[in-house]
Amino acid sequence: WDFLYKYADAITVLTKYDLEFFKKRNKNVWVMHNPNSFKKINKQIKNRDKSILAIGDLNRYLVKGFDNLLDIAFDVNKYHPDWKFKIVGEGDEGKKFLQEKIDKLELNDSVIFTGYRSDIDRLLQHSSIFILCSRNEGMPMALIEATSQGIACIAYDCVSGPSDIIENKKNGVLVANQNKQEMSKQLMKVIEDEEYRNSLGNEALKSSVDF
């Protein structure tokens, strides 16, 4: 099917990463991001919980990087034991694997599995930080949705997706892909500096209109 692209009047792609590949096949290529399905909050929410939210299919824990998220939680817990990591999603096989690691790292008081939730927008509104630890993404809907709820966002700069949404240290934080030490360091900066955290959330809310 590759030869057919040159006959199209135009091609739409999901991310900036896709542009180079398709521009070799057609000059008229446009980035068309996924639209946000959540209603944007009208004003910033005060007194958010000391919680860090991650969202995804637990059975895809390698793709979503939940295994590495627990190592990051271990680092953060040493300095900020009052902060909780909440993982939203289902998957018996993945939960079993992750729970075994939680037991090994003694993080049972710090990591919470919420299971499936239909009120993710409310969870985003009441949490302080959204974290994306994926090893790869297309266009991460959870990150788009998070910006519309005014939450401070931090994500690995994986091959495609996060850099289309986040301008580093303005409306969120981008960390070199799979650099766990740097992720822990940057996450703790967001935890420790409330003014910085609020600024990231406010700018995320403004930039969410792009979606």
N, C-alpha and C. Protein backbone atom coordinates (compact mmCIF):
# COMPACT_ATOMS: atom_id res chain seq x y z
N TRP A 1 0.82 -1.21 0.00
CA TRP A 1 0.00 0.00 0.00
C TRP A 1 0.85 1.26 0.00
N ASP A 2 2.13 1.15 0.21
CA ASP A 2 2.99 2.32 0.35
C ASP A 2 2.92 3.23 -0.87
N PHE A 3 2.82 2.67 -2.07
CA PHE A 3 2.87 3.47 -3.30
C PHE A 3 1.62 4.33 -3.47
N LEU A 4 0.55 4.04 -2.73
CA LEU A 4 -0.70 4.78 -2.89
C LEU A 4 -0.68 6.16 -2.25
N TYR A 5 0.24 6.39 -1.30
CA TYR A 5 0.26 7.68 -0.59
C TYR A 5 0.42 8.86 -1.55
N LYS A 6 1.20 8.69 -2.62
CA LYS A 6 1.45 9.81 -3.54
C LYS A 6 0.20 10.24 -4.30
N TYR A 7 -0.80 9.40 -4.32
CA TYR A 7 -2.03 9.73 -5.05
C TYR A 7 -3.05 10.44 -4.17
N ALA A 8 -2.80 10.51 -2.85
CA ALA A 8 -3.74 11.18 -1.94
C ALA A 8 -3.65 12.69 -2.08
N ASP A 9 -4.79 13.38 -1.94
CA ASP A 9 -4.78 14.85 -1.95
C ASP A 9 -4.09 15.39 -0.71
N ALA A 10 -4.21 14.67 0.39
CA ALA A 10 -3.57 15.06 1.64
C ALA A 10 -3.49 13.85 2.56
N ILE A 11 -2.57 13.91 3.50
CA ILE A 11 -2.42 12.84 4.49
C ILE A 11 -2.42 13.48 5.87
N THR A 12 -3.18 12.91 6.80
CA THR A 12 -3.13 13.36 8.19
C THR A 12 -2.38 12.34 9.02
N VAL A 13 -1.55 12.84 9.94
CA VAL A 13 -0.78 11.97 10.83
C VAL A 13 -1.01 12.41 12.27
N LEU A 14 -0.67 11.54 13.21
CA LEU A 14 -1.01 11.78 14.60
C LEU A 14 -0.02 12.67 15.34
N THR A 15 1.29 12.57 15.01
CA THR A 15 2.31 13.30 15.75
C THR A 15 3.35 13.91 14.80
N LYS A 16 4.14 14.83 15.35
CA LYS A 16 5.23 15.43 14.56
C LYS A 16 6.25 14.39 14.15
N TYR A 17 6.40 13.35 14.96
CA TYR A 17 7.35 12.29 14.66
C TYR A 17 7.04 11.61 13.33
N ASP A 18 5.77 11.56 12.98
CA ASP A 18 5.34 10.88 11.75
C ASP A 18 5.59 11.71 10.49
N LEU A 19 5.82 13.00 10.64
CA LEU A 19 5.88 13.88 9.48
C LEU A 19 6.96 13.48 8.47
N GLU A 20 8.18 13.26 8.93
CA GLU A 20 9.29 12.99 8.03
C GLU A 20 9.01 11.77 7.14
N PHE A 21 8.50 10.72 7.73
CA PHE A 21 8.22 9.49 6.99
C PHE A 21 7.22 9.74 5.86
N PHE A 22 6.13 10.45 6.19
CA PHE A 22 5.06 10.62 5.20
C PHE A 22 5.35 11.74 4.21
N LYS A 23 6.17 12.73 4.57
CA LYS A 23 6.51 13.80 3.63
C LYS A 23 7.37 13.29 2.48
N LYS A 24 8.02 12.15 2.67
CA LYS A 24 8.77 11.52 1.58
C LYS A 24 7.82 10.88 0.57
N ARG A 25 6.56 10.73 0.98
CA ARG A 25 5.59 10.04 0.14
C ARG A 25 4.50 10.97 -0.40
N ASN A 26 4.36 12.15 0.24
CA ASN A 26 3.35 13.11 -0.19
C ASN A 26 3.72 14.46 0.42
N LYS A 27 3.66 15.52 -0.38
CA LYS A 27 4.08 16.84 0.11
C LYS A 27 3.04 17.49 1.02
N ASN A 28 1.79 17.04 0.92
CA ASN A 28 0.71 17.68 1.67
C ASN A 28 0.33 16.82 2.88
N VAL A 29 1.11 16.98 3.96
CA VAL A 29 0.92 16.18 5.17
C VAL A 29 0.61 17.11 6.35
N TRP A 30 -0.40 16.74 7.12
CA TRP A 30 -0.83 17.58 8.24
C TRP A 30 -0.88 16.77 9.53
N VAL A 31 -0.41 17.37 10.61
CA VAL A 31 -0.54 16.74 11.93
C VAL A 31 -1.94 17.03 12.46
N MET A 32 -2.67 15.98 12.81
CA MET A 32 -4.00 16.12 13.39
C MET A 32 -4.03 15.30 14.68
N HIS A 33 -3.90 15.98 15.80
CA HIS A 33 -3.84 15.30 17.09
C HIS A 33 -5.20 14.72 17.49
N ASN A 34 -5.16 13.73 18.39
CA ASN A 34 -6.38 13.25 19.00
C ASN A 34 -7.03 14.40 19.78
N PRO A 35 -8.35 14.50 19.74
CA PRO A 35 -9.02 15.54 20.53
C PRO A 35 -9.24 15.09 21.97
N ASN A 36 -9.21 16.05 22.87
CA ASN A 36 -9.47 15.77 24.28
C ASN A 36 -10.96 15.51 24.48
N SER A 37 -11.28 14.44 25.18
CA SER A 37 -12.69 14.09 25.41
C SER A 37 -13.21 14.62 26.75
N PHE A 38 -12.32 15.18 27.57
CA PHE A 38 -12.74 15.69 28.88
C PHE A 38 -13.11 17.17 28.79
N LYS A 39 -14.08 17.57 29.61
CA LYS A 39 -14.42 18.98 29.72
C LYS A 39 -13.34 19.70 30.51
N LYS A 40 -12.81 20.77 29.94
CA LYS A 40 -11.76 21.55 30.59
C LYS A 40 -12.33 22.24 31.82
N ILE A 41 -11.58 22.17 32.95
CA ILE A 41 -12.05 22.86 34.15
C ILE A 41 -12.01 24.37 33.93
N ASN A 42 -12.92 25.07 34.59
CA ASN A 42 -13.03 26.52 34.39
C ASN A 42 -12.00 27.31 35.18
N LYS A 43 -11.66 26.81 36.36
CA LYS A 43 -10.67 27.50 37.18
C LYS A 43 -9.83 26.47 37.93
N GLN A 44 -8.63 26.88 38.29
CA GLN A 44 -7.70 25.96 38.96
C GLN A 44 -8.27 25.50 40.30
N ILE A 45 -7.98 24.25 40.63
CA ILE A 45 -8.47 23.64 41.87
C ILE A 45 -7.40 23.76 42.95
N LYS A 46 -7.79 24.24 44.11
CA LYS A 46 -6.85 24.39 45.23
C LYS A 46 -6.92 23.16 46.14
N ASN A 47 -5.91 23.03 46.98
CA ASN A 47 -5.87 21.96 48.00
C ASN A 47 -5.98 20.56 47.38
N ARG A 48 -5.16 20.31 46.38
CA ARG A 48 -5.12 18.98 45.79
C ARG A 48 -4.44 18.00 46.74
N ASP A 49 -4.75 16.71 46.58
CA ASP A 49 -4.14 15.68 47.42
C ASP A 49 -2.65 15.52 47.10
N LYS A 50 -1.91 15.00 48.07
CA LYS A 50 -0.50 14.68 47.84
C LYS A 50 -0.41 13.32 47.14
N SER A 51 -0.88 13.31 45.91
CA SER A 51 -0.91 12.05 45.16
C SER A 51 -0.39 12.26 43.74
N ILE A 52 0.24 11.21 43.24
CA ILE A 52 0.83 11.18 41.90
C ILE A 52 0.09 10.11 41.12
N LEU A 53 -0.54 10.50 40.02
CA LEU A 53 -1.45 9.62 39.31
C LEU A 53 -0.81 9.08 38.03
N ALA A 54 -0.97 7.76 37.82
CA ALA A 54 -0.57 7.10 36.58
C ALA A 54 -1.76 6.29 36.08
N ILE A 55 -1.93 6.21 34.77
CA ILE A 55 -3.12 5.58 34.20
C ILE A 55 -2.73 4.63 33.08
N GLY A 56 -3.33 3.44 33.06
CA GLY A 56 -3.07 2.53 31.94
C GLY A 56 -3.44 1.09 32.24
N ASP A 57 -3.38 0.28 31.21
CA ASP A 57 -3.66 -1.16 31.31
C ASP A 57 -2.53 -1.83 32.08
N LEU A 58 -2.85 -2.43 33.22
CA LEU A 58 -1.82 -3.05 34.05
C LEU A 58 -1.13 -4.20 33.34
N ASN A 59 -1.85 -4.91 32.48
CA ASN A 59 -1.23 -6.02 31.76
C ASN A 59 -0.19 -5.55 30.75
N ARG A 60 -0.22 -4.28 30.41
CA ARG A 60 0.78 -3.69 29.51
C ARG A 60 1.81 -2.89 30.33
N TYR A 61 2.16 -3.43 31.48
CA TYR A 61 3.03 -2.70 32.42
C TYR A 61 4.40 -2.39 31.82
N LEU A 62 4.88 -3.23 30.89
CA LEU A 62 6.18 -2.94 30.28
C LEU A 62 6.07 -1.75 29.33
N VAL A 63 5.04 -1.73 28.51
CA VAL A 63 4.84 -0.59 27.59
C VAL A 63 4.58 0.68 28.39
N LYS A 64 3.73 0.58 29.41
CA LYS A 64 3.36 1.75 30.21
C LYS A 64 4.43 2.13 31.23
N GLY A 65 5.44 1.27 31.40
CA GLY A 65 6.54 1.59 32.30
C GLY A 65 6.19 1.56 33.77
N PHE A 66 5.14 0.81 34.14
CA PHE A 66 4.75 0.75 35.54
C PHE A 66 5.80 0.04 36.40
N ASP A 67 6.57 -0.87 35.79
CA ASP A 67 7.65 -1.52 36.54
C ASP A 67 8.70 -0.50 36.97
N ASN A 68 9.05 0.41 36.05
CA ASN A 68 10.00 1.48 36.39
C ASN A 68 9.38 2.52 37.33
N LEU A 69 8.08 2.72 37.20
CA LEU A 69 7.41 3.67 38.08
C LEU A 69 7.59 3.28 39.55
N LEU A 70 7.60 1.99 39.82
CA LEU A 70 7.77 1.53 41.20
C LEU A 70 9.17 1.82 41.71
N ASP A 71 10.18 1.75 40.84
CA ASP A 71 11.54 2.13 41.25
C ASP A 71 11.59 3.62 41.58
N ILE A 72 10.88 4.41 40.79
CA ILE A 72 10.82 5.85 41.03
C ILE A 72 10.09 6.13 42.35
N ALA A 73 9.00 5.40 42.58
CA ALA A 73 8.26 5.54 43.84
C ALA A 73 9.15 5.20 45.04
N PHE A 74 10.00 4.21 44.87
CA PHE A 74 10.93 3.82 45.94
C PHE A 74 11.88 4.97 46.27
N ASP A 75 12.42 5.63 45.23
CA ASP A 75 13.32 6.76 45.44
C ASP A 75 12.60 7.92 46.13
N VAL A 76 11.41 8.25 45.63
CA VAL A 76 10.65 9.38 46.17
C VAL A 76 10.20 9.12 47.60
N ASN A 77 9.82 7.89 47.88
CA ASN A 77 9.29 7.55 49.21
C ASN A 77 10.31 7.78 50.32
N LYS A 78 11.58 7.67 50.00
CA LYS A 78 12.63 7.89 51.00
C LYS A 78 12.61 9.32 51.55
N TYR A 79 12.21 10.26 50.71
CA TYR A 79 12.22 11.67 51.08
C TYR A 79 10.81 12.23 51.32
N HIS A 80 9.81 11.61 50.70
CA HIS A 80 8.45 12.13 50.78
C HIS A 80 7.46 10.99 51.02
N PRO A 81 7.53 10.36 52.19
CA PRO A 81 6.66 9.22 52.46
C PRO A 81 5.18 9.58 52.57
N ASP A 82 4.88 10.87 52.68
CA ASP A 82 3.47 11.29 52.78
C ASP A 82 2.81 11.40 51.40
N TRP A 83 3.58 11.27 50.32
CA TRP A 83 3.02 11.31 48.98
C TRP A 83 2.68 9.90 48.52
N LYS A 84 1.53 9.74 47.85
CA LYS A 84 1.06 8.45 47.40
C LYS A 84 1.06 8.36 45.87
N PHE A 85 1.40 7.19 45.37
CA PHE A 85 1.32 6.90 43.94
C PHE A 85 0.04 6.09 43.70
N LYS A 86 -0.83 6.62 42.85
CA LYS A 86 -2.07 5.92 42.51
C LYS A 86 -1.99 5.44 41.05
N ILE A 87 -2.21 4.15 40.85
CA ILE A 87 -2.19 3.57 39.51
C ILE A 87 -3.60 3.16 39.13
N VAL A 88 -4.15 3.79 38.11
CA VAL A 88 -5.52 3.55 37.67
C VAL A 88 -5.50 2.57 36.49
N GLY A 89 -6.25 1.48 36.62
CA GLY A 89 -6.33 0.52 35.52
C GLY A 89 -6.56 -0.89 36.02
N GLU A 90 -6.88 -1.76 35.08
CA GLU A 90 -7.15 -3.16 35.39
C GLU A 90 -6.13 -4.07 34.72
N GLY A 91 -6.12 -5.34 35.15
CA GLY A 91 -5.26 -6.35 34.55
C GLY A 91 -4.68 -7.26 35.61
N ASP A 92 -5.26 -8.45 35.74
CA ASP A 92 -4.87 -9.35 36.83
C ASP A 92 -3.41 -9.78 36.75
N GLU A 93 -2.96 -10.13 35.54
CA GLU A 93 -1.58 -10.59 35.37
C GLU A 93 -0.59 -9.49 35.72
N GLY A 94 -0.84 -8.30 35.21
CA GLY A 94 0.04 -7.17 35.48
C GLY A 94 0.02 -6.76 36.94
N LYS A 95 -1.16 -6.77 37.53
CA LYS A 95 -1.27 -6.39 38.95
C LYS A 95 -0.48 -7.36 39.81
N LYS A 96 -0.54 -8.65 39.48
CA LYS A 96 0.20 -9.66 40.25
C LYS A 96 1.70 -9.38 40.20
N PHE A 97 2.20 -9.11 38.98
CA PHE A 97 3.63 -8.82 38.82
C PHE A 97 4.01 -7.56 39.61
N LEU A 98 3.23 -6.51 39.47
CA LEU A 98 3.54 -5.24 40.13
C LEU A 98 3.42 -5.36 41.64
N GLN A 99 2.42 -6.11 42.12
CA GLN A 99 2.25 -6.27 43.56
C GLN A 99 3.45 -7.00 44.18
N GLU A 100 3.98 -7.97 43.47
CA GLU A 100 5.17 -8.68 43.96
C GLU A 100 6.35 -7.73 44.10
N LYS A 101 6.47 -6.81 43.14
CA LYS A 101 7.56 -5.83 43.22
C LYS A 101 7.30 -4.83 44.35
N ILE A 102 6.05 -4.44 44.53
CA ILE A 102 5.70 -3.55 45.62
C ILE A 102 6.05 -4.17 46.97
N ASP A 103 5.74 -5.46 47.12
CA ASP A 103 6.07 -6.18 48.35
C ASP A 103 7.58 -6.19 48.58
N LYS A 104 8.31 -6.46 47.51
CA LYS A 104 9.78 -6.53 47.61
C LYS A 104 10.38 -5.18 48.01
N LEU A 105 9.82 -4.10 47.46
CA LEU A 105 10.33 -2.76 47.75
C LEU A 105 9.71 -2.15 49.00
N GLU A 106 8.79 -2.88 49.62
CA GLU A 106 8.10 -2.42 50.83
C GLU A 106 7.40 -1.08 50.60
N LEU A 107 6.58 -1.06 49.53
CA LEU A 107 5.89 0.17 49.15
C LEU A 107 4.37 0.07 49.33
N ASN A 108 3.92 -0.88 50.12
CA ASN A 108 2.48 -1.09 50.25
C ASN A 108 1.74 0.12 50.82
N ASP A 109 2.44 0.94 51.60
CA ASP A 109 1.80 2.14 52.14
C ASP A 109 1.87 3.33 51.19
N SER A 110 2.61 3.17 50.09
CA SER A 110 2.84 4.30 49.19
C SER A 110 2.19 4.15 47.82
N VAL A 111 1.90 2.92 47.40
CA VAL A 111 1.34 2.67 46.07
C VAL A 111 -0.07 2.10 46.21
N ILE A 112 -1.01 2.71 45.51
CA ILE A 112 -2.42 2.32 45.58
C ILE A 112 -2.91 1.94 44.19
N PHE A 113 -3.50 0.77 44.07
CA PHE A 113 -4.20 0.38 42.84
C PHE A 113 -5.66 0.78 43.00
N THR A 114 -6.15 1.61 42.09
CA THR A 114 -7.55 2.05 42.19
C THR A 114 -8.49 1.14 41.42
N GLY A 115 -7.94 0.27 40.54
CA GLY A 115 -8.79 -0.51 39.67
C GLY A 115 -9.37 0.36 38.56
N TYR A 116 -10.37 -0.16 37.87
CA TYR A 116 -11.04 0.61 36.82
C TYR A 116 -11.80 1.76 37.46
N ARG A 117 -11.72 2.93 36.85
CA ARG A 117 -12.47 4.09 37.34
C ARG A 117 -13.13 4.80 36.16
N SER A 118 -14.38 5.17 36.35
CA SER A 118 -15.10 5.92 35.32
C SER A 118 -15.02 7.42 35.58
N ASP A 119 -14.41 7.79 36.71
CA ASP A 119 -14.32 9.21 37.10
C ASP A 119 -12.87 9.70 37.07
N ILE A 120 -12.16 9.37 35.99
CA ILE A 120 -10.75 9.75 35.90
C ILE A 120 -10.58 11.26 35.93
N ASP A 121 -11.53 11.98 35.34
CA ASP A 121 -11.43 13.44 35.39
C ASP A 121 -11.42 13.95 36.83
N ARG A 122 -12.25 13.34 37.69
CA ARG A 122 -12.28 13.75 39.10
C ARG A 122 -10.97 13.39 39.80
N LEU A 123 -10.41 12.22 39.49
CA LEU A 123 -9.13 11.83 40.07
C LEU A 123 -8.03 12.80 39.68
N LEU A 124 -8.04 13.22 38.42
CA LEU A 124 -7.05 14.19 37.94
C LEU A 124 -7.22 15.53 38.64
N GLN A 125 -8.45 15.91 38.91
CA GLN A 125 -8.72 17.19 39.56
C GLN A 125 -8.24 17.20 41.01
N HIS A 126 -8.24 16.05 41.66
CA HIS A 126 -7.90 16.01 43.08
C HIS A 126 -6.44 15.58 43.33
N SER A 127 -5.75 15.10 42.30
CA SER A 127 -4.34 14.73 42.45
C SER A 127 -3.47 15.93 42.12
N SER A 128 -2.21 15.89 42.56
CA SER A 128 -1.30 17.02 42.35
C SER A 128 -0.42 16.87 41.12
N ILE A 129 -0.10 15.61 40.76
CA ILE A 129 0.85 15.36 39.67
C ILE A 129 0.36 14.18 38.84
N PHE A 130 0.46 14.32 37.52
CA PHE A 130 0.23 13.19 36.62
C PHE A 130 1.57 12.76 36.05
N ILE A 131 1.85 11.45 36.07
CA ILE A 131 3.13 10.95 35.58
C ILE A 131 2.91 9.94 34.46
N LEU A 132 3.71 10.05 33.40
CA LEU A 132 3.66 9.14 32.26
C LEU A 132 5.04 8.51 32.11
N CYS A 133 5.13 7.21 32.37
CA CYS A 133 6.42 6.51 32.34
C CYS A 133 6.54 5.57 31.15
N SER A 134 5.72 5.75 30.14
CA SER A 134 5.67 4.82 29.01
C SER A 134 7.01 4.71 28.29
N ARG A 135 7.29 3.50 27.82
CA ARG A 135 8.47 3.27 26.98
C ARG A 135 8.20 3.73 25.55
N ASN A 136 6.96 3.65 25.12
CA ASN A 136 6.58 4.20 23.81
C ASN A 136 5.09 4.53 23.83
N GLU A 137 4.72 5.46 22.99
CA GLU A 137 3.34 5.90 22.88
C GLU A 137 3.05 6.25 21.42
N GLY A 138 1.77 6.38 21.10
CA GLY A 138 1.37 6.98 19.84
C GLY A 138 1.13 8.45 20.15
N MET A 139 -0.08 8.74 20.58
CA MET A 139 -0.43 10.06 21.10
C MET A 139 -1.16 9.82 22.42
N PRO A 140 -0.51 10.01 23.55
CA PRO A 140 -1.07 9.60 24.84
C PRO A 140 -2.30 10.41 25.27
N MET A 141 -3.47 9.76 25.16
CA MET A 141 -4.71 10.43 25.51
C MET A 141 -4.75 10.84 26.98
N ALA A 142 -4.19 9.98 27.85
CA ALA A 142 -4.22 10.29 29.29
C ALA A 142 -3.49 11.60 29.58
N LEU A 143 -2.42 11.86 28.87
CA LEU A 143 -1.65 13.09 29.07
C LEU A 143 -2.43 14.30 28.54
N ILE A 144 -3.08 14.14 27.40
CA ILE A 144 -3.93 15.21 26.87
C ILE A 144 -5.05 15.53 27.86
N GLU A 145 -5.69 14.48 28.36
CA GLU A 145 -6.79 14.67 29.31
C GLU A 145 -6.30 15.32 30.60
N ALA A 146 -5.11 14.93 31.04
CA ALA A 146 -4.57 15.50 32.28
C ALA A 146 -4.38 17.01 32.18
N THR A 147 -3.89 17.49 31.03
CA THR A 147 -3.67 18.93 30.89
C THR A 147 -4.95 19.71 31.06
N SER A 148 -6.08 19.14 30.62
CA SER A 148 -7.35 19.86 30.69
C SER A 148 -7.91 19.94 32.10
N GLN A 149 -7.28 19.19 33.03
CA GLN A 149 -7.73 19.23 34.42
C GLN A 149 -6.76 20.03 35.30
N GLY A 150 -5.81 20.72 34.67
CA GLY A 150 -4.94 21.65 35.38
C GLY A 150 -3.94 21.01 36.31
N ILE A 151 -3.57 19.76 36.06
CA ILE A 151 -2.64 19.06 36.92
C ILE A 151 -1.22 19.18 36.38
N ALA A 152 -0.24 19.28 37.25
CA ALA A 152 1.16 19.31 36.82
C ALA A 152 1.51 17.95 36.21
N CYS A 153 2.10 17.97 35.02
CA CYS A 153 2.39 16.73 34.29
C CYS A 153 3.89 16.53 34.11
N ILE A 154 4.33 15.29 34.25
CA ILE A 154 5.72 14.94 34.00
C ILE A 154 5.72 13.64 33.21
N ALA A 155 6.56 13.59 32.17
CA ALA A 155 6.53 12.43 31.27
C ALA A 155 7.90 12.14 30.70
N TYR A 156 8.14 10.88 30.42
CA TYR A 156 9.32 10.52 29.64
C TYR A 156 9.13 11.03 28.22
N ASP A 157 10.20 11.54 27.65
CA ASP A 157 10.17 12.03 26.27
C ASP A 157 10.38 10.84 25.34
N CYS A 158 9.40 9.92 25.33
CA CYS A 158 9.52 8.73 24.49
C CYS A 158 9.33 9.12 23.02
N VAL A 159 9.53 8.14 22.15
CA VAL A 159 9.71 8.42 20.72
C VAL A 159 8.65 9.34 20.13
N SER A 160 7.40 9.15 20.45
CA SER A 160 6.39 10.06 19.90
C SER A 160 5.32 10.34 20.94
N GLY A 161 4.73 11.52 20.86
CA GLY A 161 3.60 11.86 21.70
C GLY A 161 3.82 12.94 22.73
N PRO A 162 4.54 12.67 23.82
CA PRO A 162 4.65 13.66 24.89
C PRO A 162 5.20 15.02 24.44
N SER A 163 6.17 15.01 23.52
CA SER A 163 6.76 16.29 23.10
C SER A 163 5.80 17.11 22.23
N ASP A 164 4.72 16.48 21.72
CA ASP A 164 3.68 17.22 21.00
C ASP A 164 2.77 17.96 21.97
N ILE A 165 2.79 17.54 23.22
CA ILE A 165 1.86 18.06 24.23
C ILE A 165 2.56 18.98 25.22
N ILE A 166 3.77 18.60 25.62
CA ILE A 166 4.49 19.31 26.68
C ILE A 166 5.65 20.13 26.12
N GLU A 167 5.70 21.38 26.54
CA GLU A 167 6.88 22.23 26.33
C GLU A 167 7.64 22.19 27.66
N ASN A 168 8.83 21.62 27.62
CA ASN A 168 9.54 21.28 28.85
C ASN A 168 9.70 22.46 29.82
N LYS A 169 9.29 22.19 31.05
CA LYS A 169 9.40 23.12 32.18
C LYS A 169 8.54 24.37 32.00
N LYS A 170 7.59 24.32 31.06
CA LYS A 170 6.62 25.40 30.94
C LYS A 170 5.23 24.88 31.32
N ASN A 171 4.69 23.96 30.53
CA ASN A 171 3.37 23.41 30.84
C ASN A 171 3.47 21.94 31.29
N GLY A 172 4.67 21.54 31.65
CA GLY A 172 4.93 20.17 32.10
C GLY A 172 6.43 19.93 32.08
N VAL A 173 6.82 18.71 32.41
CA VAL A 173 8.25 18.36 32.45
C VAL A 173 8.48 17.14 31.56
N LEU A 174 9.47 17.24 30.67
CA LEU A 174 9.90 16.11 29.85
C LEU A 174 11.24 15.62 30.37
N VAL A 175 11.35 14.30 30.51
CA VAL A 175 12.57 13.68 31.02
C VAL A 175 13.11 12.73 29.96
N ALA A 176 14.43 12.71 29.79
CA ALA A 176 15.05 11.82 28.81
C ALA A 176 14.49 10.40 28.97
N ASN A 177 14.14 9.80 27.85
CA ASN A 177 13.39 8.54 27.86
C ASN A 177 14.06 7.46 28.71
N GLN A 178 13.32 6.98 29.71
CA GLN A 178 13.71 5.88 30.58
C GLN A 178 14.91 6.16 31.48
N ASN A 179 15.20 7.43 31.71
CA ASN A 179 16.24 7.81 32.66
C ASN A 179 15.59 7.91 34.05
N LYS A 180 15.61 6.80 34.77
CA LYS A 180 14.89 6.74 36.05
C LYS A 180 15.45 7.71 37.09
N GLN A 181 16.77 7.84 37.12
CA GLN A 181 17.37 8.76 38.10
C GLN A 181 16.92 10.19 37.86
N GLU A 182 16.89 10.58 36.59
CA GLU A 182 16.48 11.94 36.25
C GLU A 182 14.98 12.13 36.51
N MET A 183 14.20 11.10 36.23
CA MET A 183 12.76 11.19 36.50
C MET A 183 12.52 11.38 37.99
N SER A 184 13.21 10.62 38.82
CA SER A 184 13.06 10.78 40.28
C SER A 184 13.45 12.19 40.71
N LYS A 185 14.55 12.68 40.15
CA LYS A 185 15.05 14.02 40.50
C LYS A 185 14.04 15.09 40.11
N GLN A 186 13.54 15.03 38.87
CA GLN A 186 12.61 16.05 38.39
C GLN A 186 11.26 15.95 39.10
N LEU A 187 10.83 14.73 39.39
CA LEU A 187 9.57 14.56 40.10
C LEU A 187 9.66 15.16 41.49
N MET A 188 10.78 14.97 42.17
CA MET A 188 10.93 15.54 43.51
C MET A 188 10.98 17.07 43.47
N LYS A 189 11.50 17.63 42.40
CA LYS A 189 11.47 19.09 42.25
C LYS A 189 10.03 19.59 42.18
N VAL A 190 9.21 18.86 41.45
CA VAL A 190 7.80 19.25 41.33
C VAL A 190 7.09 19.08 42.68
N ILE A 191 7.41 18.03 43.40
CA ILE A 191 6.82 17.79 44.72
C ILE A 191 7.21 18.89 45.70
N GLU A 192 8.48 19.26 45.71
CA GLU A 192 9.02 20.15 46.74
C GLU A 192 8.74 21.63 46.49
N ASP A 193 8.49 22.00 45.25
CA ASP A 193 8.29 23.41 44.91
C ASP A 193 6.83 23.62 44.52
N GLU A 194 6.02 24.04 45.46
CA GLU A 194 4.58 24.19 45.22
C GLU A 194 4.30 25.26 44.16
N GLU A 195 5.06 26.34 44.18
CA GLU A 195 4.86 27.41 43.20
C GLU A 195 5.14 26.90 41.78
N TYR A 196 6.20 26.15 41.63
CA TYR A 196 6.56 25.54 40.34
C TYR A 196 5.46 24.57 39.91
N ARG A 197 5.00 23.75 40.84
CA ARG A 197 3.96 22.77 40.53
C ARG A 197 2.68 23.47 40.07
N ASN A 198 2.29 24.52 40.77
CA ASN A 198 1.08 25.25 40.40
C ASN A 198 1.23 25.91 39.03
N SER A 199 2.42 26.44 38.76
CA SER A 199 2.67 27.07 37.46
C SER A 199 2.55 26.06 36.32
N LEU A 200 3.11 24.88 36.52
CA LEU A 200 3.01 23.82 35.49
C LEU A 200 1.55 23.46 35.24
N GLY A 201 0.77 23.35 36.31
CA GLY A 201 -0.64 23.00 36.17
C GLY A 201 -1.43 24.09 35.47
N ASN A 202 -1.14 25.35 35.82
CA ASN A 202 -1.85 26.47 35.19
C ASN A 202 -1.53 26.56 33.70
N GLU A 203 -0.26 26.37 33.35
CA GLU A 203 0.14 26.43 31.94
C GLU A 203 -0.41 25.23 31.16
N ALA A 204 -0.48 24.08 31.82
CA ALA A 204 -1.07 22.90 31.18
C ALA A 204 -2.53 23.18 30.82
N LEU A 205 -3.23 23.80 31.74
CA LEU A 205 -4.63 24.12 31.51
C LEU A 205 -4.79 25.06 30.31
N LYS A 206 -3.92 26.07 30.23
CA LYS A 206 -3.97 27.00 29.10
C LYS A 206 -3.69 26.29 27.78
N SER A 207 -2.68 25.42 27.77
CA SER A 207 -2.28 24.77 26.53
C SER A 207 -3.25 23.68 26.09
N SER A 208 -4.13 23.25 27.00
CA SER A 208 -5.06 22.17 26.66
C SER A 208 -6.07 22.58 25.59
N VAL A 209 -6.23 23.89 25.38
CA VAL A 209 -7.16 24.34 24.33
C VAL A 209 -6.69 23.90 22.93
N ASP A 210 -5.40 23.58 22.80
CA ASP A 210 -4.87 23.12 21.51
C ASP A 210 -5.48 21.78 21.09
N PHE A 211 -6.08 21.08 22.05
CA PHE A 211 -6.64 19.76 21.76
C PHE A 211 -8.14 19.72 21.86
